[in-house]
Amino acid sequence: MTHVRGSALRTQRRNVITDSEFAEAMNRAEQIRDKFFRLRALALLCLLRLTGKRRTEVAMLRLDSFKVESGFLDITFVLLKKRKGHVLQRQATKQIPLTDPLTKPILRYLDYLSSLEPEPQFFLPRVKSVFGHNVILSDAHISGRQVFRIVRSLSETIWPHLFRETVGADVIREDSSIIGAFKVMRRLDLEDFRTGFNYLKRFAGDIIKREEEKLREELHTSE
């Protein structure tokens, strides 16, 4: 597979992840023979698609970041923000309905990790090869760059940040009003409201176009 650097990827496409692209990536993940790597790949794809979180935030997730409660899977992320030479941390919890089909691969993977001895501390534990065998390290997590590589190994056309764009587009397509921009801000934990309005500007055009096409079809049918 030929890998393309992130800036080049962004130049090549401006649209979000399609259902068929995501399904193909999931299918590739299903073909992985090793159980740990297969479950990890499926859970990672689903987590990115559900939350749109940055790859570093996903890489830092701990097992105790996940909690099932009142019909939801609560996932608490650590957000890192750079401020004048300092790195500030804050937490943000996302609630995913247990009824969402994409939640199941995450729960299945969590159950697998919990069955290991010793139990890993992290959602995406680091793995090293020892005499040809993969050993899961209990006290270290993979890097954001490795998250990128896992996703790219499953698809030639998608990468982690594109999930973020896709989740933002989902929100705008559900609510293309000004309020929708603030919903994007909250969903993606954006600091600047103007970024939320950028999503509105980029993706609301699709909604307007669809509404125009729908109106034309209705007029044509009524003639």
Protein backbone atom coordinates (compact mmCIF):
# COMPACT_ATOMS: atom_id res chain seq x y z
CA MET A 1 0.00 0.00 0.00
CA THR A 2 1.26 3.45 -0.87
CA HIS A 3 1.01 5.82 2.08
CA VAL A 4 0.45 9.53 1.55
CA ARG A 5 1.35 12.20 4.07
CA GLY A 6 -1.48 13.99 5.90
CA SER A 7 -1.19 17.32 4.05
CA ALA A 8 -1.29 15.55 0.70
CA LEU A 9 -4.33 13.54 1.81
CA ARG A 10 -6.22 16.69 2.67
CA THR A 11 -5.37 18.12 -0.74
CA GLN A 12 -6.66 15.00 -2.50
CA ARG A 13 -10.15 15.01 -0.95
CA ARG A 14 -12.50 17.40 0.78
CA ASN A 15 -15.51 15.18 1.43
CA VAL A 16 -16.19 13.10 4.51
CA ILE A 17 -16.14 9.34 5.01
CA THR A 18 -18.87 7.52 3.11
CA ASP A 19 -20.80 4.57 4.54
CA SER A 20 -19.20 2.28 1.95
CA GLU A 21 -15.69 3.43 2.86
CA PHE A 22 -16.31 2.78 6.53
CA ALA A 23 -17.87 -0.61 5.79
CA GLU A 24 -14.85 -1.58 3.69
CA ALA A 25 -12.44 -0.59 6.48
CA MET A 26 -14.49 -2.64 8.96
CA ASN A 27 -14.42 -5.58 6.57
CA ARG A 28 -10.64 -5.38 6.34
CA ALA A 29 -10.41 -5.30 10.11
CA GLU A 30 -12.58 -8.42 10.29
CA GLN A 31 -10.03 -10.25 8.13
CA ILE A 32 -7.17 -9.77 10.63
CA ARG A 33 -6.24 -13.23 11.93
CA ASP A 34 -4.81 -12.29 15.31
CA LYS A 35 -7.71 -11.86 17.75
CA PHE A 36 -6.21 -8.93 19.68
CA PHE A 37 -5.32 -6.92 16.57
CA ARG A 38 -8.69 -7.73 14.96
CA LEU A 39 -10.73 -6.64 17.98
CA ARG A 40 -8.52 -3.58 18.45
CA ALA A 41 -8.93 -2.46 14.83
CA LEU A 42 -12.72 -2.86 14.91
CA ALA A 43 -13.05 -1.02 18.23
CA LEU A 44 -10.77 1.80 17.08
CA LEU A 45 -12.73 2.38 13.87
CA CYS A 46 -16.03 2.43 15.77
CA LEU A 47 -14.69 4.74 18.48
CA LEU A 48 -13.41 7.24 15.91
CA ARG A 49 -16.65 7.11 13.95
CA LEU A 50 -18.79 7.65 17.04
CA THR A 51 -16.77 10.41 18.70
CA GLY A 52 -14.57 12.14 16.12
CA LYS A 53 -11.89 12.54 18.77
CA ARG A 54 -8.29 13.42 17.93
CA ARG A 55 -5.92 10.50 17.56
CA THR A 56 -3.78 11.56 20.54
CA GLU A 57 -6.86 11.77 22.76
CA VAL A 58 -7.85 8.26 21.67
CA ALA A 59 -4.32 6.90 22.21
CA MET A 60 -4.33 8.16 25.81
CA LEU A 61 -7.59 6.47 26.81
CA ARG A 62 -7.36 4.22 29.85
CA LEU A 63 -9.55 1.23 30.58
CA ASP A 64 -11.05 3.13 33.49
CA SER A 65 -12.03 5.86 31.00
CA PHE A 66 -14.96 3.63 30.04
CA LYS A 67 -18.08 3.11 32.11
CA VAL A 68 -21.42 1.52 31.28
CA GLU A 69 -24.27 3.29 33.02
CA SER A 70 -27.99 3.90 32.43
CA GLY A 71 -28.02 2.55 28.89
CA PHE A 72 -24.92 4.45 27.78
CA LEU A 73 -21.22 3.83 27.35
CA ASP A 74 -19.53 6.83 28.98
CA ILE A 75 -16.06 7.59 27.60
CA THR A 76 -13.93 10.19 29.38
CA PHE A 77 -11.22 11.79 27.26
CA VAL A 78 -8.27 13.86 28.43
CA LEU A 79 -7.99 17.00 26.30
CA LEU A 80 -4.58 18.65 26.00
CA LYS A 81 -4.33 22.35 25.22
CA LYS A 82 -1.06 24.26 24.79
CA ARG A 83 -0.91 27.66 26.50
CA LYS A 84 2.23 29.81 26.35
CA GLY A 85 4.67 26.99 26.87
CA HIS A 86 2.37 25.05 29.20
CA VAL A 87 0.10 22.13 28.49
CA LEU A 88 -3.28 22.29 30.19
CA GLN A 89 -5.50 19.26 30.71
CA ARG A 90 -9.23 18.96 31.05
CA GLN A 91 -11.65 16.11 30.77
CA ALA A 92 -14.67 15.62 28.55
CA THR A 93 -17.10 12.70 28.77
CA LYS A 94 -19.03 11.45 25.75
CA GLN A 95 -22.11 9.27 26.08
CA ILE A 96 -22.71 6.61 23.43
CA PRO A 97 -26.02 4.70 23.47
CA LEU A 98 -25.57 0.98 24.05
CA THR A 99 -28.16 0.45 21.34
CA ASP A 100 -25.86 1.92 18.69
CA PRO A 101 -24.44 -0.98 16.61
CA LEU A 102 -20.98 0.61 16.64
CA THR A 103 -20.87 0.37 20.44
CA LYS A 104 -20.78 -3.44 20.39
CA PRO A 105 -17.25 -3.86 18.93
CA ILE A 106 -15.93 -1.46 21.57
CA LEU A 107 -17.57 -3.41 24.40
CA ARG A 108 -16.33 -6.71 22.95
CA TYR A 109 -12.78 -5.38 22.85
CA LEU A 110 -13.04 -4.02 26.40
CA ASP A 111 -14.18 -7.43 27.61
CA TYR A 112 -11.19 -9.03 25.88
CA LEU A 113 -8.75 -6.60 27.49
CA SER A 114 -10.29 -7.21 30.91
CA SER A 115 -9.69 -10.95 30.50
CA LEU A 116 -5.93 -10.53 30.04
CA GLU A 117 -3.37 -11.15 32.76
CA PRO A 118 -2.10 -8.68 33.69
CA GLU A 119 -4.94 -6.42 32.66
CA PRO A 120 -3.71 -3.47 30.53
CA GLN A 121 -4.12 0.01 31.92
CA PHE A 122 -4.81 1.50 28.51
CA PHE A 123 -7.43 1.04 25.80
CA LEU A 124 -4.72 0.85 23.15
CA PRO A 125 -1.81 -0.82 24.94
CA ARG A 126 1.60 -0.96 23.33
CA VAL A 127 2.68 -4.28 21.85
CA LYS A 128 6.22 -5.56 21.42
CA SER A 129 7.58 -8.64 19.71
CA VAL A 130 9.50 -11.10 21.89
CA PHE A 131 11.08 -14.06 20.07
CA GLY A 132 8.46 -13.81 17.35
CA HIS A 133 5.52 -13.52 19.75
CA ASN A 134 3.50 -10.37 20.41
CA VAL A 135 3.47 -9.27 24.04
CA ILE A 136 0.87 -6.75 25.21
CA LEU A 137 2.41 -4.26 27.63
CA SER A 138 0.14 -3.48 30.56
CA ASP A 139 1.54 -0.05 31.46
CA ALA A 140 2.11 1.75 28.13
CA HIS A 141 -0.11 3.00 25.30
CA ILE A 142 0.53 3.47 21.60
CA SER A 143 1.15 6.91 20.12
CA GLY A 144 -1.17 9.08 18.07
CA ARG A 145 1.03 8.33 15.08
CA GLN A 146 0.42 4.63 15.56
CA VAL A 147 -3.33 5.28 15.64
CA PHE A 148 -2.88 6.93 12.24
CA ARG A 149 -0.98 3.93 10.91
CA ILE A 150 -3.61 1.45 12.09
CA VAL A 151 -6.37 3.35 10.29
CA ARG A 152 -4.30 3.71 7.14
CA SER A 153 -3.58 -0.02 7.13
CA LEU A 154 -7.34 -0.57 6.86
CA SER A 155 -8.09 1.96 4.13
CA GLU A 156 -6.31 3.82 1.35
CA THR A 157 -8.78 6.70 1.48
CA ILE A 158 -9.47 7.55 5.13
CA TRP A 159 -7.40 8.71 8.10
CA PRO A 160 -8.18 9.60 11.75
CA HIS A 161 -8.88 13.32 11.35
CA LEU A 162 -11.37 12.60 8.58
CA PHE A 163 -13.56 10.91 11.20
CA ARG A 164 -13.62 14.24 13.03
CA GLU A 165 -14.80 15.99 9.88
CA THR A 166 -17.43 13.30 9.37
CA VAL A 167 -18.86 13.59 12.88
CA GLY A 168 -19.02 17.38 12.50
CA ALA A 169 -20.82 16.97 9.19
CA ASP A 170 -23.30 14.56 10.85
CA VAL A 171 -24.22 17.21 13.41
CA ILE A 172 -24.69 19.94 10.80
CA ARG A 173 -26.80 17.71 8.59
CA GLU A 174 -29.09 17.09 11.56
CA ASP A 175 -29.25 20.79 12.45
CA SER A 176 -28.12 23.31 9.84
CA SER A 177 -29.14 26.30 11.97
CA ILE A 178 -26.74 28.54 13.88
CA ILE A 179 -27.40 26.32 16.89
CA GLY A 180 -25.95 23.44 14.88
CA ALA A 181 -22.57 25.20 14.82
CA PHE A 182 -22.56 25.34 18.62
CA LYS A 183 -23.59 21.67 18.75
CA VAL A 184 -20.49 20.86 16.70
CA MET A 185 -18.41 22.93 19.11
CA ARG A 186 -19.72 20.90 22.05
CA ARG A 187 -19.60 17.52 20.30
CA LEU A 188 -15.97 17.94 19.20
CA ASP A 189 -14.85 19.93 22.26
CA LEU A 190 -13.79 22.90 20.17
CA GLU A 191 -12.43 25.97 21.94
CA ASP A 192 -13.24 28.53 19.26
CA PHE A 193 -16.88 28.89 18.18
CA ARG A 194 -15.69 30.09 14.78
CA THR A 195 -14.49 26.57 14.02
CA GLY A 196 -18.04 25.35 14.57
CA PHE A 197 -19.27 27.94 12.07
CA ASN A 198 -16.67 26.70 9.57
CA TYR A 199 -18.36 23.30 9.74
CA LEU A 200 -21.71 25.01 9.15
CA LYS A 201 -20.32 26.85 6.14
CA ARG A 202 -18.77 23.71 4.65
CA PHE A 203 -21.55 21.18 5.15
CA ALA A 204 -24.81 23.12 5.22
CA GLY A 205 -24.42 23.63 1.46
CA ASP A 206 -25.06 19.91 0.98
CA ILE A 207 -28.35 20.22 2.85
CA ILE A 208 -29.48 23.22 0.80
CA LYS A 209 -28.67 21.36 -2.41
CA ARG A 210 -30.63 18.29 -1.30
CA GLU A 211 -33.62 20.44 -0.32
CA GLU A 212 -33.55 22.13 -3.73
CA GLU A 213 -33.46 18.76 -5.49
CA LYS A 214 -36.31 17.48 -3.31
CA LEU A 215 -38.40 20.57 -4.13
CA ARG A 216 -37.77 20.16 -7.86
CA GLU A 217 -38.84 16.50 -7.67
CA GLU A 218 -42.03 17.43 -5.81
CA LEU A 219 -42.83 20.12 -8.38
CA HIS A 220 -42.17 17.71 -11.22
CA THR A 221 -44.40 15.06 -9.65
CA SER A 222 -47.25 17.52 -9.12
CA GLU A 223 -47.25 18.64 -12.78
